[in-house]
Amino acid sequence: MYFFEWLFFEGRATADYDELARETEKRKKNGKELPPIHASQKVSETIYDNMSLYTHTNTYIDVRTPNDEKRGLITLIAGGAGAAFTFMLMISLYFAGIHYLALFVGTEERLSILDYFILGVTPAIPTVSLYYYVKYVLPYLRLEAFTARRLIVRFNRITRKVYLLRPKHLGGVVALDWDTAEVCIDPNMSELDGVGGFVMLGWNKETNSVRDADGNLKDDFEITMVGKPTRNGSELLAFWEYIRRYMEEGPEAAPKPQKLIGKFPWPWRSFMAVWQLDSRFFKTPQLWIFVLVYSLLLPLITIHAIGHWISLLLCYEPKFPRIIEDAGKDTK
């Protein structure tokens, strides 16, 4: 679900960038906030793909964002309410149509005036409900349905650009300079600090690094989150080191993973996304308690997985514009 991306995009329009910059600088001076590191700075001796890659070529890698699994519940609740209102409207129109048609054709006994009035007014109830639903609820449903199936961050080592593939209501497609990227990550973090962590990249407005899909400069700043949440600090640092080495040293330094993330919405992938237990829980006796707890919650997990799968089916598979797809490729 794209809740954090949506909050960031909606809040950016009203944010005072200069005030944010001053506040951030003040926090850095007071030691309350770690300064970001440069994208080319080495952070680990090991590399790890973090099972976060969609594509790996000699030109670019496509990487997922952290919140891919967090979807389904809004589809079940908000989507179910919308489906209920639509069903109520169709049923009320159906019965009203049957009785009003019978009134003119004369094929059945006439109802009272009150009955015909109720038949005429009843469709107004789900109609008004749908109006407010579309106005106030549908924007939240679009956080995980009727939108792009996934957000993708592309690192192109030839053009030395980072491309963000997002729907328009989340900021749209932009091209960013790799060399001006700042990484919000602590090279000296503890193992505990990396639990559930992910890489965050930022581009300041002063660097003039933000461009739209057509290459036009935007007077703006950008932030993006990269990768699946990690299990510890070592994994997080090794994951960023994998991306850094790919961009700085080439694909030989960050070889293609044995398994890339598939994009087809198979139902069992939705179940595994909601299940969220990997093989280490089965190999470590102390962690078997989580397996037992999840087994007891299996009915709820299954319902959530169904909502997850439905949300994927209600979305479209996004694609980069042709100009970005061809960027850095040999044109001979």
C-alpha atoms as a PDB file:
ATOM      1  CA  MET A   1       0.000   0.000   0.000  1.00  0.00           C
ATOM      2  CA  TYR A   2       1.324   3.449  -0.920  1.00  0.00           C
ATOM      3  CA  PHE A   3       0.246   5.280   2.241  1.00  0.00           C
ATOM      4  CA  PHE A   4       3.611   6.863   3.092  1.00  0.00           C
ATOM      5  CA  GLU A   5       4.248   7.841  -0.537  1.00  0.00           C
ATOM      6  CA  TRP A   6       0.793   9.432  -0.657  1.00  0.00           C
ATOM      7  CA  LEU A   7       1.318  11.329   2.601  1.00  0.00           C
ATOM      8  CA  PHE A   8       4.653  12.610   1.373  1.00  0.00           C
ATOM      9  CA  PHE A   9       3.291  13.740  -1.985  1.00  0.00           C
ATOM     10  CA  GLU A  10       0.200  15.393  -0.481  1.00  0.00           C
ATOM     11  CA  GLY A  11       2.197  17.127   2.231  1.00  0.00           C
ATOM     12  CA  ARG A  12       4.946  18.318  -0.096  1.00  0.00           C
ATOM     13  CA  ALA A  13       2.622  20.822  -1.815  1.00  0.00           C
ATOM     14  CA  THR A  14       2.041  22.711   1.437  1.00  0.00           C
ATOM     15  CA  ALA A  15       5.475  22.169   2.983  1.00  0.00           C
ATOM     16  CA  ASP A  16       7.878  25.080   3.454  1.00  0.00           C
ATOM     17  CA  TYR A  17      11.049  23.612   1.978  1.00  0.00           C
ATOM     18  CA  ASP A  18      13.338  26.324   3.373  1.00  0.00           C
ATOM     19  CA  GLU A  19      11.947  25.809   6.873  1.00  0.00           C
ATOM     20  CA  LEU A  20      12.389  22.040   6.558  1.00  0.00           C
ATOM     21  CA  ALA A  21      15.978  22.507   5.394  1.00  0.00           C
ATOM     22  CA  ARG A  22      16.779  24.818   8.336  1.00  0.00           C
ATOM     23  CA  GLU A  23      15.174  22.437  10.818  1.00  0.00           C
ATOM     24  CA  THR A  24      17.083  19.473   9.397  1.00  0.00           C
ATOM     25  CA  GLU A  25      20.382  21.346   9.549  1.00  0.00           C
ATOM     26  CA  LYS A  26      19.674  22.364  13.141  1.00  0.00           C
ATOM     27  CA  ARG A  27      18.963  18.752  14.126  1.00  0.00           C
ATOM     28  CA  LYS A  28      22.224  17.649  12.511  1.00  0.00           C
ATOM     29  CA  LYS A  29      24.223  20.244  14.458  1.00  0.00           C
ATOM     30  CA  ASN A  30      22.580  19.154  17.710  1.00  0.00           C
ATOM     31  CA  GLY A  31      23.371  15.526  16.969  1.00  0.00           C
ATOM     32  CA  LYS A  32      19.704  14.557  16.842  1.00  0.00           C
ATOM     33  CA  GLU A  33      19.859  13.489  13.227  1.00  0.00           C
ATOM     34  CA  LEU A  34      22.570  11.645  11.360  1.00  0.00           C
ATOM     35  CA  PRO A  35      23.813  13.422   8.238  1.00  0.00           C
ATOM     36  CA  PRO A  36      23.115  11.470   5.043  1.00  0.00           C
ATOM     37  CA  ILE A  37      26.021   9.847   3.239  1.00  0.00           C
ATOM     38  CA  HIS A  38      26.939  10.198  -0.411  1.00  0.00           C
ATOM     39  CA  ALA A  39      25.686   7.543  -2.809  1.00  0.00           C
ATOM     40  CA  SER A  40      29.210   6.473  -3.768  1.00  0.00           C
ATOM     41  CA  GLN A  41      30.356   5.905  -0.160  1.00  0.00           C
ATOM     42  CA  LYS A  42      31.140   2.306   0.741  1.00  0.00           C
ATOM     43  CA  VAL A  43      29.135   0.992   3.711  1.00  0.00           C
ATOM     44  CA  SER A  44      29.785  -2.761   3.866  1.00  0.00           C
ATOM     45  CA  GLU A  45      32.315  -5.436   2.960  1.00  0.00           C
ATOM     46  CA  THR A  46      29.547  -7.777   1.784  1.00  0.00           C
ATOM     47  CA  ILE A  47      26.670  -7.470  -0.657  1.00  0.00           C
ATOM     48  CA  TYR A  48      23.118  -8.788  -0.502  1.00  0.00           C
ATOM     49  CA  ASP A  49      20.340  -8.408  -3.074  1.00  0.00           C
ATOM     50  CA  ASN A  50      17.693  -8.624  -0.294  1.00  0.00           C
ATOM     51  CA  MET A  51      15.351 -10.485  -2.664  1.00  0.00           C
ATOM     52  CA  SER A  52      14.283  -7.035  -3.896  1.00  0.00           C
ATOM     53  CA  LEU A  53      15.095  -7.053  -7.628  1.00  0.00           C
ATOM     54  CA  TYR A  54      12.602  -7.302 -10.475  1.00  0.00           C
ATOM     55  CA  THR A  55      15.167  -6.974 -13.252  1.00  0.00           C
ATOM     56  CA  HIS A  56      18.957  -7.202 -13.549  1.00  0.00           C
ATOM     57  CA  THR A  57      20.706  -6.311 -16.825  1.00  0.00           C
ATOM     58  CA  ASN A  58      24.052  -4.844 -17.824  1.00  0.00           C
ATOM     59  CA  THR A  59      22.344  -1.466 -18.115  1.00  0.00           C
ATOM     60  CA  TYR A  60      19.974  -1.210 -15.146  1.00  0.00           C
ATOM     61  CA  ILE A  61      18.386  -2.932 -12.167  1.00  0.00           C
ATOM     62  CA  ASP A  62      14.745  -2.523 -11.136  1.00  0.00           C
ATOM     63  CA  VAL A  63      14.178  -2.586  -7.374  1.00  0.00           C
ATOM     64  CA  ARG A  64      10.973  -2.852  -5.337  1.00  0.00           C
ATOM     65  CA  THR A  65       9.779  -0.505  -2.590  1.00  0.00           C
ATOM     66  CA  PRO A  66       9.188  -1.498   1.077  1.00  0.00           C
ATOM     67  CA  ASN A  67       5.391  -1.519   1.266  1.00  0.00           C
ATOM     68  CA  ASP A  68       4.431  -4.032  -1.432  1.00  0.00           C
ATOM     69  CA  GLU A  69       2.986  -6.528   1.065  1.00  0.00           C
ATOM     70  CA  LYS A  70       0.955  -3.916   2.956  1.00  0.00           C
ATOM     71  CA  ARG A  71      -2.209  -4.143   0.910  1.00  0.00           C
ATOM     72  CA  GLY A  72      -5.519  -5.966   0.938  1.00  0.00           C
ATOM     73  CA  LEU A  73      -7.281  -4.664   4.048  1.00  0.00           C
ATOM     74  CA  ILE A  74      -8.378  -1.391   2.438  1.00  0.00           C
ATOM     75  CA  THR A  75      -9.554  -3.356  -0.592  1.00  0.00           C
ATOM     76  CA  LEU A  76     -11.639  -5.637   1.632  1.00  0.00           C
ATOM     77  CA  ILE A  77     -13.160  -2.879   3.771  1.00  0.00           C
ATOM     78  CA  ALA A  78     -13.448   0.131   1.445  1.00  0.00           C
ATOM     79  CA  GLY A  79     -13.879  -1.983  -1.685  1.00  0.00           C
ATOM     80  CA  GLY A  80     -16.515  -4.144   0.006  1.00  0.00           C
ATOM     81  CA  ALA A  81     -18.474  -1.040   1.016  1.00  0.00           C
ATOM     82  CA  GLY A  82     -18.371   0.283  -2.543  1.00  0.00           C
ATOM     83  CA  ALA A  83     -19.498  -3.065  -3.934  1.00  0.00           C
ATOM     84  CA  ALA A  84     -22.363  -3.171  -1.410  1.00  0.00           C
ATOM     85  CA  PHE A  85     -23.597   0.302  -2.366  1.00  0.00           C
ATOM     86  CA  THR A  86     -23.416  -0.601  -6.058  1.00  0.00           C
ATOM     87  CA  PHE A  87     -25.316  -3.841  -5.469  1.00  0.00           C
ATOM     88  CA  MET A  88     -27.996  -1.996  -3.480  1.00  0.00           C
ATOM     89  CA  LEU A  89     -28.416   0.528  -6.289  1.00  0.00           C
ATOM     90  CA  MET A  90     -28.744  -2.184  -8.940  1.00  0.00           C
ATOM     91  CA  ILE A  91     -31.281  -4.157  -6.873  1.00  0.00           C
ATOM     92  CA  SER A  92     -33.393  -1.090  -6.102  1.00  0.00           C
ATOM     93  CA  LEU A  93     -33.390  -0.012  -9.763  1.00  0.00           C
ATOM     94  CA  TYR A  94     -34.283  -3.556 -10.833  1.00  0.00           C
ATOM     95  CA  PHE A  95     -37.370  -3.826  -8.597  1.00  0.00           C
ATOM     96  CA  ALA A  96     -38.462  -0.260  -9.322  1.00  0.00           C
ATOM     97  CA  GLY A  97     -38.138  -0.924 -13.042  1.00  0.00           C
ATOM     98  CA  ILE A  98     -40.142  -4.158 -12.856  1.00  0.00           C
ATOM     99  CA  HIS A  99     -43.065  -2.607 -10.939  1.00  0.00           C
ATOM    100  CA  TYR A 100     -43.172   0.628 -12.922  1.00  0.00           C
ATOM    101  CA  LEU A 101     -43.069  -1.326 -16.197  1.00  0.00           C
ATOM    102  CA  ALA A 102     -45.889  -3.565 -14.933  1.00  0.00           C
ATOM    103  CA  LEU A 103     -47.874  -0.415 -14.083  1.00  0.00           C
ATOM    104  CA  PHE A 104     -47.851   0.716 -17.698  1.00  0.00           C
ATOM    105  CA  VAL A 105     -48.190  -2.734 -19.299  1.00  0.00           C
ATOM    106  CA  GLY A 106     -50.857  -3.868 -16.846  1.00  0.00           C
ATOM    107  CA  THR A 107     -49.432  -7.339 -16.278  1.00  0.00           C
ATOM    108  CA  GLU A 108     -49.792  -7.352 -12.491  1.00  0.00           C
ATOM    109  CA  GLU A 109     -51.960  -5.926  -9.758  1.00  0.00           C
ATOM    110  CA  ARG A 110     -51.324  -2.275  -9.023  1.00  0.00           C
ATOM    111  CA  LEU A 111     -49.541  -1.274  -5.849  1.00  0.00           C
ATOM    112  CA  SER A 112     -50.519   1.571  -3.566  1.00  0.00           C
ATOM    113  CA  ILE A 113     -49.312   5.109  -4.222  1.00  0.00           C
ATOM    114  CA  LEU A 114     -47.087   4.862  -1.139  1.00  0.00           C
ATOM    115  CA  ASP A 115     -45.444   1.698  -2.529  1.00  0.00           C
ATOM    116  CA  TYR A 116     -44.676   3.400  -5.846  1.00  0.00           C
ATOM    117  CA  PHE A 117     -43.286   6.419  -3.989  1.00  0.00           C
ATOM    118  CA  ILE A 118     -41.012   4.173  -1.913  1.00  0.00           C
ATOM    119  CA  LEU A 119     -39.867   2.328  -5.057  1.00  0.00           C
ATOM    120  CA  GLY A 120     -38.951   5.663  -6.641  1.00  0.00           C
ATOM    121  CA  VAL A 121     -37.145   7.059  -3.592  1.00  0.00           C
ATOM    122  CA  THR A 122     -35.247   3.909  -2.561  1.00  0.00           C
ATOM    123  CA  PRO A 123     -32.574   4.134  -5.350  1.00  0.00           C
ATOM    124  CA  ALA A 124     -31.688   7.601  -4.075  1.00  0.00           C
ATOM    125  CA  ILE A 125     -30.255   6.128  -0.865  1.00  0.00           C
ATOM    126  CA  PRO A 126     -27.467   4.040  -2.469  1.00  0.00           C
ATOM    127  CA  THR A 127     -26.977   6.793  -5.094  1.00  0.00           C
ATOM    128  CA  VAL A 128     -26.209   9.402  -2.427  1.00  0.00           C
ATOM    129  CA  SER A 129     -24.073   6.864  -0.573  1.00  0.00           C
ATOM    130  CA  LEU A 130     -22.074   6.182  -3.736  1.00  0.00           C
ATOM    131  CA  TYR A 131     -21.594   9.907  -4.308  1.00  0.00           C
ATOM    132  CA  TYR A 132     -20.012  10.396  -0.893  1.00  0.00           C
ATOM    133  CA  TYR A 133     -18.131   7.126  -1.296  1.00  0.00           C
ATOM    134  CA  VAL A 134     -16.522   8.295  -4.542  1.00  0.00           C
ATOM    135  CA  LYS A 135     -15.785  11.721  -3.073  1.00  0.00           C
ATOM    136  CA  TYR A 136     -14.326  10.720   0.281  1.00  0.00           C
ATOM    137  CA  VAL A 137     -13.450   7.003   0.266  1.00  0.00           C
ATOM    138  CA  LEU A 138     -12.307   6.209  -3.279  1.00  0.00           C
ATOM    139  CA  PRO A 139      -9.071   8.263  -2.986  1.00  0.00           C
ATOM    140  CA  TYR A 140      -8.016   5.989  -0.111  1.00  0.00           C
ATOM    141  CA  LEU A 141      -8.992   2.871  -2.061  1.00  0.00           C
ATOM    142  CA  ARG A 142      -6.665   4.041  -4.834  1.00  0.00           C
ATOM    143  CA  LEU A 143      -3.761   3.550  -2.450  1.00  0.00           C
ATOM    144  CA  GLU A 144      -3.916  -0.158  -3.305  1.00  0.00           C
ATOM    145  CA  ALA A 145      -6.547  -0.650  -6.032  1.00  0.00           C
ATOM    146  CA  PHE A 146      -7.311   0.949  -9.407  1.00  0.00           C
ATOM    147  CA  THR A 147      -3.722   2.171  -9.572  1.00  0.00           C
ATOM    148  CA  ALA A 148      -0.248   0.900 -10.483  1.00  0.00           C
ATOM    149  CA  ARG A 149       0.359  -2.627  -9.218  1.00  0.00           C
ATOM    150  CA  ARG A 150       3.794  -1.704  -7.896  1.00  0.00           C
ATOM    151  CA  LEU A 151       6.252   1.175  -7.549  1.00  0.00           C
ATOM    152  CA  ILE A 152       9.657   0.596  -9.153  1.00  0.00           C
ATOM    153  CA  VAL A 153      12.998   2.294  -8.605  1.00  0.00           C
ATOM    154  CA  ARG A 154      15.354   1.870 -11.581  1.00  0.00           C
ATOM    155  CA  PHE A 155      19.105   2.340 -11.221  1.00  0.00           C
ATOM    156  CA  ASN A 156      20.684   2.887 -14.651  1.00  0.00           C
ATOM    157  CA  ARG A 157      24.477   2.643 -14.487  1.00  0.00           C
ATOM    158  CA  ILE A 158      25.002   3.935 -18.050  1.00  0.00           C
ATOM    159  CA  THR A 159      22.998   7.151 -17.725  1.00  0.00           C
ATOM    160  CA  ARG A 160      23.853   7.361 -13.993  1.00  0.00           C
ATOM    161  CA  LYS A 161      20.238   8.103 -13.256  1.00  0.00           C
ATOM    162  CA  VAL A 162      17.673   6.852 -10.767  1.00  0.00           C
ATOM    163  CA  TYR A 163      14.171   6.615 -12.263  1.00  0.00           C
ATOM    164  CA  LEU A 164      11.026   6.451 -10.131  1.00  0.00           C
ATOM    165  CA  LEU A 165       7.999   4.749 -11.672  1.00  0.00           C
ATOM    166  CA  ARG A 166       4.912   5.986  -9.821  1.00  0.00           C
ATOM    167  CA  PRO A 167       1.315   6.889 -10.739  1.00  0.00           C
ATOM    168  CA  LYS A 168       0.540  10.602 -11.083  1.00  0.00           C
ATOM    169  CA  HIS A 169      -1.289  10.850  -7.761  1.00  0.00           C
ATOM    170  CA  LEU A 170       1.920   9.721  -6.040  1.00  0.00           C
ATOM    171  CA  GLY A 171       4.310  12.041  -7.857  1.00  0.00           C
ATOM    172  CA  GLY A 172       4.536  10.516 -11.315  1.00  0.00           C
ATOM    173  CA  VAL A 173       7.651   9.393 -13.188  1.00  0.00           C
ATOM    174  CA  VAL A 174      10.849  11.328 -12.479  1.00  0.00           C
ATOM    175  CA  ALA A 175      14.535  11.042 -13.390  1.00  0.00           C
ATOM    176  CA  LEU A 176      17.134  11.796 -10.709  1.00  0.00           C
ATOM    177  CA  ASP A 177      20.921  12.116 -10.741  1.00  0.00           C
ATOM    178  CA  TRP A 178      22.742   9.266  -9.054  1.00  0.00           C
ATOM    179  CA  ASP A 179      25.752  11.424  -8.204  1.00  0.00           C
ATOM    180  CA  THR A 180      23.706  13.907  -6.155  1.00  0.00           C
ATOM    181  CA  ALA A 181      21.690  11.302  -4.231  1.00  0.00           C
ATOM    182  CA  GLU A 182      21.973  11.282  -0.444  1.00  0.00           C
ATOM    183  CA  VAL A 183      21.453   8.031   1.460  1.00  0.00           C
ATOM    184  CA  CYS A 184      19.709   8.116   4.831  1.00  0.00           C
ATOM    185  CA  ILE A 185      21.563   5.205   6.374  1.00  0.00           C
ATOM    186  CA  ASP A 186      24.019   4.869   9.255  1.00  0.00           C
ATOM    187  CA  PRO A 187      27.127   2.826   8.296  1.00  0.00           C
ATOM    188  CA  ASN A 188      27.688   2.151  12.009  1.00  0.00           C
ATOM    189  CA  MET A 189      24.175   0.997  12.800  1.00  0.00           C
ATOM    190  CA  SER A 190      23.566  -1.901  15.154  1.00  0.00           C
ATOM    191  CA  GLU A 191      21.906  -5.133  14.089  1.00  0.00           C
ATOM    192  CA  LEU A 192      18.748  -4.095  15.915  1.00  0.00           C
ATOM    193  CA  ASP A 193      18.562  -0.778  14.056  1.00  0.00           C
ATOM    194  CA  GLY A 194      18.195  -2.637  10.772  1.00  0.00           C
ATOM    195  CA  VAL A 195      15.187  -4.744  11.806  1.00  0.00           C
ATOM    196  CA  GLY A 196      12.394  -3.821   9.412  1.00  0.00           C
ATOM    197  CA  GLY A 197      14.616  -1.153   7.875  1.00  0.00           C
ATOM    198  CA  PHE A 198      14.911  -0.009   4.295  1.00  0.00           C
ATOM    199  CA  VAL A 199      17.054   2.372   2.270  1.00  0.00           C
ATOM    200  CA  MET A 200      15.833   5.954   1.864  1.00  0.00           C
ATOM    201  CA  LEU A 201      17.270   8.187  -0.856  1.00  0.00           C
ATOM    202  CA  GLY A 202      16.887  11.948  -1.067  1.00  0.00           C
ATOM    203  CA  TRP A 203      17.642  14.714  -3.538  1.00  0.00           C
ATOM    204  CA  ASN A 204      17.818  18.345  -2.394  1.00  0.00           C
ATOM    205  CA  LYS A 205      16.196  21.097  -4.420  1.00  0.00           C
ATOM    206  CA  GLU A 206      19.513  22.978  -4.643  1.00  0.00           C
ATOM    207  CA  THR A 207      21.161  20.189  -6.658  1.00  0.00           C
ATOM    208  CA  ASN A 208      18.754  20.678  -9.616  1.00  0.00           C
ATOM    209  CA  SER A 209      18.574  16.897  -9.929  1.00  0.00           C
ATOM    210  CA  VAL A 210      14.848  16.311 -10.379  1.00  0.00           C
ATOM    211  CA  ARG A 211      13.491  15.984 -13.915  1.00  0.00           C
ATOM    212  CA  ASP A 212      10.247  14.649 -15.325  1.00  0.00           C
ATOM    213  CA  ALA A 213       9.996  11.750 -17.794  1.00  0.00           C
ATOM    214  CA  ASP A 214      10.653  14.111 -20.734  1.00  0.00           C
ATOM    215  CA  GLY A 215      13.817  15.494 -19.174  1.00  0.00           C
ATOM    216  CA  ASN A 216      12.385  18.853 -18.096  1.00  0.00           C
ATOM    217  CA  LEU A 217      13.912  20.270 -14.926  1.00  0.00           C
ATOM    218  CA  LYS A 218      11.616  20.467 -11.885  1.00  0.00           C
ATOM    219  CA  ASP A 219      12.247  22.933  -9.085  1.00  0.00           C
ATOM    220  CA  ASP A 220      11.568  20.341  -6.440  1.00  0.00           C
ATOM    221  CA  PHE A 221      13.081  17.825  -4.060  1.00  0.00           C
ATOM    222  CA  GLU A 222      12.498  14.073  -3.957  1.00  0.00           C
ATOM    223  CA  ILE A 223      12.564  11.183  -1.509  1.00  0.00           C
ATOM    224  CA  THR A 224      12.128   7.505  -2.280  1.00  0.00           C
ATOM    225  CA  MET A 225      12.233   4.298  -0.259  1.00  0.00           C
ATOM    226  CA  VAL A 226      14.018   1.277  -1.694  1.00  0.00           C
ATOM    227  CA  GLY A 227      14.002  -2.451  -1.003  1.00  0.00           C
ATOM    228  CA  LYS A 228      12.182  -5.009   1.096  1.00  0.00           C
ATOM    229  CA  PRO A 229      12.389  -4.424   4.884  1.00  0.00           C
ATOM    230  CA  THR A 230      15.478  -6.164   6.201  1.00  0.00           C
ATOM    231  CA  ARG A 231      15.944  -8.452   9.197  1.00  0.00           C
ATOM    232  CA  ASN A 232      19.011  -6.763  10.710  1.00  0.00           C
ATOM    233  CA  GLY A 233      21.577  -4.012  10.224  1.00  0.00           C
ATOM    234  CA  SER A 234      24.053  -6.171   8.302  1.00  0.00           C
ATOM    235  CA  GLU A 235      21.443  -7.040   5.684  1.00  0.00           C
ATOM    236  CA  LEU A 236      20.456  -3.401   5.258  1.00  0.00           C
ATOM    237  CA  LEU A 237      24.017  -2.205   4.780  1.00  0.00           C
ATOM    238  CA  ALA A 238      24.867  -5.113   2.461  1.00  0.00           C
ATOM    239  CA  PHE A 239      21.768  -4.393   0.388  1.00  0.00           C
ATOM    240  CA  TRP A 240      22.716  -0.786  -0.197  1.00  0.00           C
ATOM    241  CA  GLU A 241      26.287  -1.881  -0.906  1.00  0.00           C
ATOM    242  CA  TYR A 242      24.899  -4.190  -3.607  1.00  0.00           C
ATOM    243  CA  ILE A 243      23.202  -1.235  -5.329  1.00  0.00           C
ATOM    244  CA  ARG A 244      26.214   1.023  -4.864  1.00  0.00           C
ATOM    245  CA  ARG A 245      28.627  -1.489  -6.375  1.00  0.00           C
ATOM    246  CA  TYR A 246      26.318  -2.088  -9.316  1.00  0.00           C
ATOM    247  CA  MET A 247      26.238   1.635 -10.096  1.00  0.00           C
ATOM    248  CA  GLU A 248      29.870   2.389  -9.317  1.00  0.00           C
ATOM    249  CA  GLU A 249      31.680  -0.804 -10.389  1.00  0.00           C
ATOM    250  CA  GLY A 250      29.280  -2.597 -12.723  1.00  0.00           C
ATOM    251  CA  PRO A 251      27.214  -5.816 -12.806  1.00  0.00           C
ATOM    252  CA  GLU A 252      30.296  -7.993 -12.189  1.00  0.00           C
ATOM    253  CA  ALA A 253      30.594  -6.493  -8.717  1.00  0.00           C
ATOM    254  CA  ALA A 254      26.865  -7.040  -8.051  1.00  0.00           C
ATOM    255  CA  PRO A 255      25.913 -10.188  -9.974  1.00  0.00           C
ATOM    256  CA  LYS A 256      22.384 -11.151 -10.913  1.00  0.00           C
ATOM    257  CA  PRO A 257      20.486 -12.849  -8.055  1.00  0.00           C
ATOM    258  CA  GLN A 258      19.581 -16.504  -8.385  1.00  0.00           C
ATOM    259  CA  LYS A 259      15.922 -15.522  -8.242  1.00  0.00           C
ATOM    260  CA  LEU A 260      14.238 -12.315  -9.337  1.00  0.00           C
ATOM    261  CA  ILE A 261      10.829 -11.139  -8.131  1.00  0.00           C
ATOM    262  CA  GLY A 262       8.032 -12.298 -10.427  1.00  0.00           C
ATOM    263  CA  LYS A 263       5.412  -9.779 -11.485  1.00  0.00           C
ATOM    264  CA  PHE A 264       2.455 -12.003 -12.367  1.00  0.00           C
ATOM    265  CA  PRO A 265      -0.182 -11.873  -9.592  1.00  0.00           C
ATOM    266  CA  TRP A 266      -0.347 -15.560  -8.694  1.00  0.00           C
ATOM    267  CA  PRO A 267      -2.643 -16.110  -5.681  1.00  0.00           C
ATOM    268  CA  TRP A 268      -0.031 -18.031  -3.687  1.00  0.00           C
ATOM    269  CA  ARG A 269       2.289 -15.005  -3.876  1.00  0.00           C
ATOM    270  CA  SER A 270      -0.372 -12.964  -2.111  1.00  0.00           C
ATOM    271  CA  PHE A 271      -0.631 -15.657   0.573  1.00  0.00           C
ATOM    272  CA  MET A 272       3.146 -15.680   1.099  1.00  0.00           C
ATOM    273  CA  ALA A 273       3.209 -11.879   1.219  1.00  0.00           C
ATOM    274  CA  VAL A 274       0.656 -11.888   4.043  1.00  0.00           C
ATOM    275  CA  TRP A 275       2.176 -14.940   5.777  1.00  0.00           C
ATOM    276  CA  GLN A 276       5.548 -13.133   6.116  1.00  0.00           C
ATOM    277  CA  LEU A 277       7.438 -16.026   7.662  1.00  0.00           C
ATOM    278  CA  ASP A 278      10.571 -17.227   5.893  1.00  0.00           C
ATOM    279  CA  SER A 279      12.410 -20.533   6.215  1.00  0.00           C
ATOM    280  CA  ARG A 280      14.497 -19.445   9.205  1.00  0.00           C
ATOM    281  CA  PHE A 281      11.423 -19.801  11.436  1.00  0.00           C
ATOM    282  CA  PHE A 282      11.350 -23.511  10.619  1.00  0.00           C
ATOM    283  CA  LYS A 283      15.091 -23.993  11.103  1.00  0.00           C
ATOM    284  CA  THR A 284      15.309 -22.290  14.517  1.00  0.00           C
ATOM    285  CA  PRO A 285      13.479 -24.115  17.353  1.00  0.00           C
ATOM    286  CA  GLN A 286      13.094 -20.906  19.393  1.00  0.00           C
ATOM    287  CA  LEU A 287      11.111 -19.303  16.556  1.00  0.00           C
ATOM    288  CA  TRP A 288       8.576 -22.106  16.171  1.00  0.00           C
ATOM    289  CA  ILE A 289       6.231 -20.163  18.451  1.00  0.00           C
ATOM    290  CA  PHE A 290       5.659 -17.761  15.541  1.00  0.00           C
ATOM    291  CA  VAL A 291       4.748 -20.640  13.252  1.00  0.00           C
ATOM    292  CA  LEU A 292       2.197 -21.886  15.795  1.00  0.00           C
ATOM    293  CA  VAL A 293       0.703 -18.414  16.275  1.00  0.00           C
ATOM    294  CA  TYR A 294       0.423 -17.870  12.528  1.00  0.00           C
ATOM    295  CA  SER A 295      -1.208 -21.283  12.164  1.00  0.00           C
ATOM    296  CA  LEU A 296      -3.894 -20.289  14.664  1.00  0.00           C
ATOM    297  CA  LEU A 297      -4.448 -17.075  12.689  1.00  0.00           C
ATOM    298  CA  LEU A 298      -4.619 -18.925   9.371  1.00  0.00           C
ATOM    299  CA  PRO A 299      -8.305 -18.056   8.657  1.00  0.00           C
ATOM    300  CA  LEU A 300      -7.628 -14.332   9.097  1.00  0.00           C
ATOM    301  CA  ILE A 301      -4.411 -14.590   7.097  1.00  0.00           C
ATOM    302  CA  THR A 302      -6.293 -16.306   4.271  1.00  0.00           C
ATOM    303  CA  ILE A 303      -8.948 -13.560   4.196  1.00  0.00           C
ATOM    304  CA  HIS A 304      -6.216 -10.913   4.148  1.00  0.00           C
ATOM    305  CA  ALA A 305      -4.428 -12.785   1.347  1.00  0.00           C
ATOM    306  CA  ILE A 306      -7.630 -12.825  -0.712  1.00  0.00           C
ATOM    307  CA  GLY A 307      -7.906  -9.055  -0.295  1.00  0.00           C
ATOM    308  CA  HIS A 308      -4.236  -8.728  -1.267  1.00  0.00           C
ATOM    309  CA  TRP A 309      -4.805 -10.762  -4.420  1.00  0.00           C
ATOM    310  CA  ILE A 310      -7.974  -8.864  -5.372  1.00  0.00           C
ATOM    311  CA  SER A 311      -6.124  -5.570  -4.986  1.00  0.00           C
ATOM    312  CA  LEU A 312      -3.452  -6.814  -7.406  1.00  0.00           C
ATOM    313  CA  LEU A 313      -6.085  -7.928  -9.909  1.00  0.00           C
ATOM    314  CA  LEU A 314      -7.713  -4.490  -9.731  1.00  0.00           C
ATOM    315  CA  CYS A 315      -4.417  -2.790 -10.605  1.00  0.00           C
ATOM    316  CA  TYR A 316      -2.476  -2.419 -13.850  1.00  0.00           C
ATOM    317  CA  GLU A 317       1.140  -3.385 -14.476  1.00  0.00           C
ATOM    318  CA  PRO A 318       3.114  -0.114 -14.829  1.00  0.00           C
ATOM    319  CA  LYS A 319       5.753   0.507 -17.505  1.00  0.00           C
ATOM    320  CA  PHE A 320       8.406   3.154 -17.873  1.00  0.00           C
ATOM    321  CA  PRO A 321       8.034   5.572 -20.793  1.00  0.00           C
ATOM    322  CA  ARG A 322       9.873   4.523 -23.943  1.00  0.00           C
ATOM    323  CA  ILE A 323      12.489   7.246 -23.504  1.00  0.00           C
ATOM    324  CA  ILE A 324      13.489   5.726 -20.156  1.00  0.00           C
ATOM    325  CA  GLU A 325      13.248   2.126 -21.386  1.00  0.00           C
ATOM    326  CA  ASP A 326      15.749   2.950 -24.155  1.00  0.00           C
ATOM    327  CA  ALA A 327      18.028   5.073 -21.981  1.00  0.00           C
ATOM    328  CA  GLY A 328      21.577   3.743 -21.969  1.00  0.00           C
ATOM    329  CA  LYS A 329      20.915   0.934 -24.444  1.00  0.00           C
ATOM    330  CA  ASP A 330      23.072   0.337 -27.493  1.00  0.00           C
ATOM    331  CA  THR A 331      21.199   1.924 -30.438  1.00  0.00           C
ATOM    332  CA  LYS A 332      23.205   0.298 -33.249  1.00  0.00           C
END
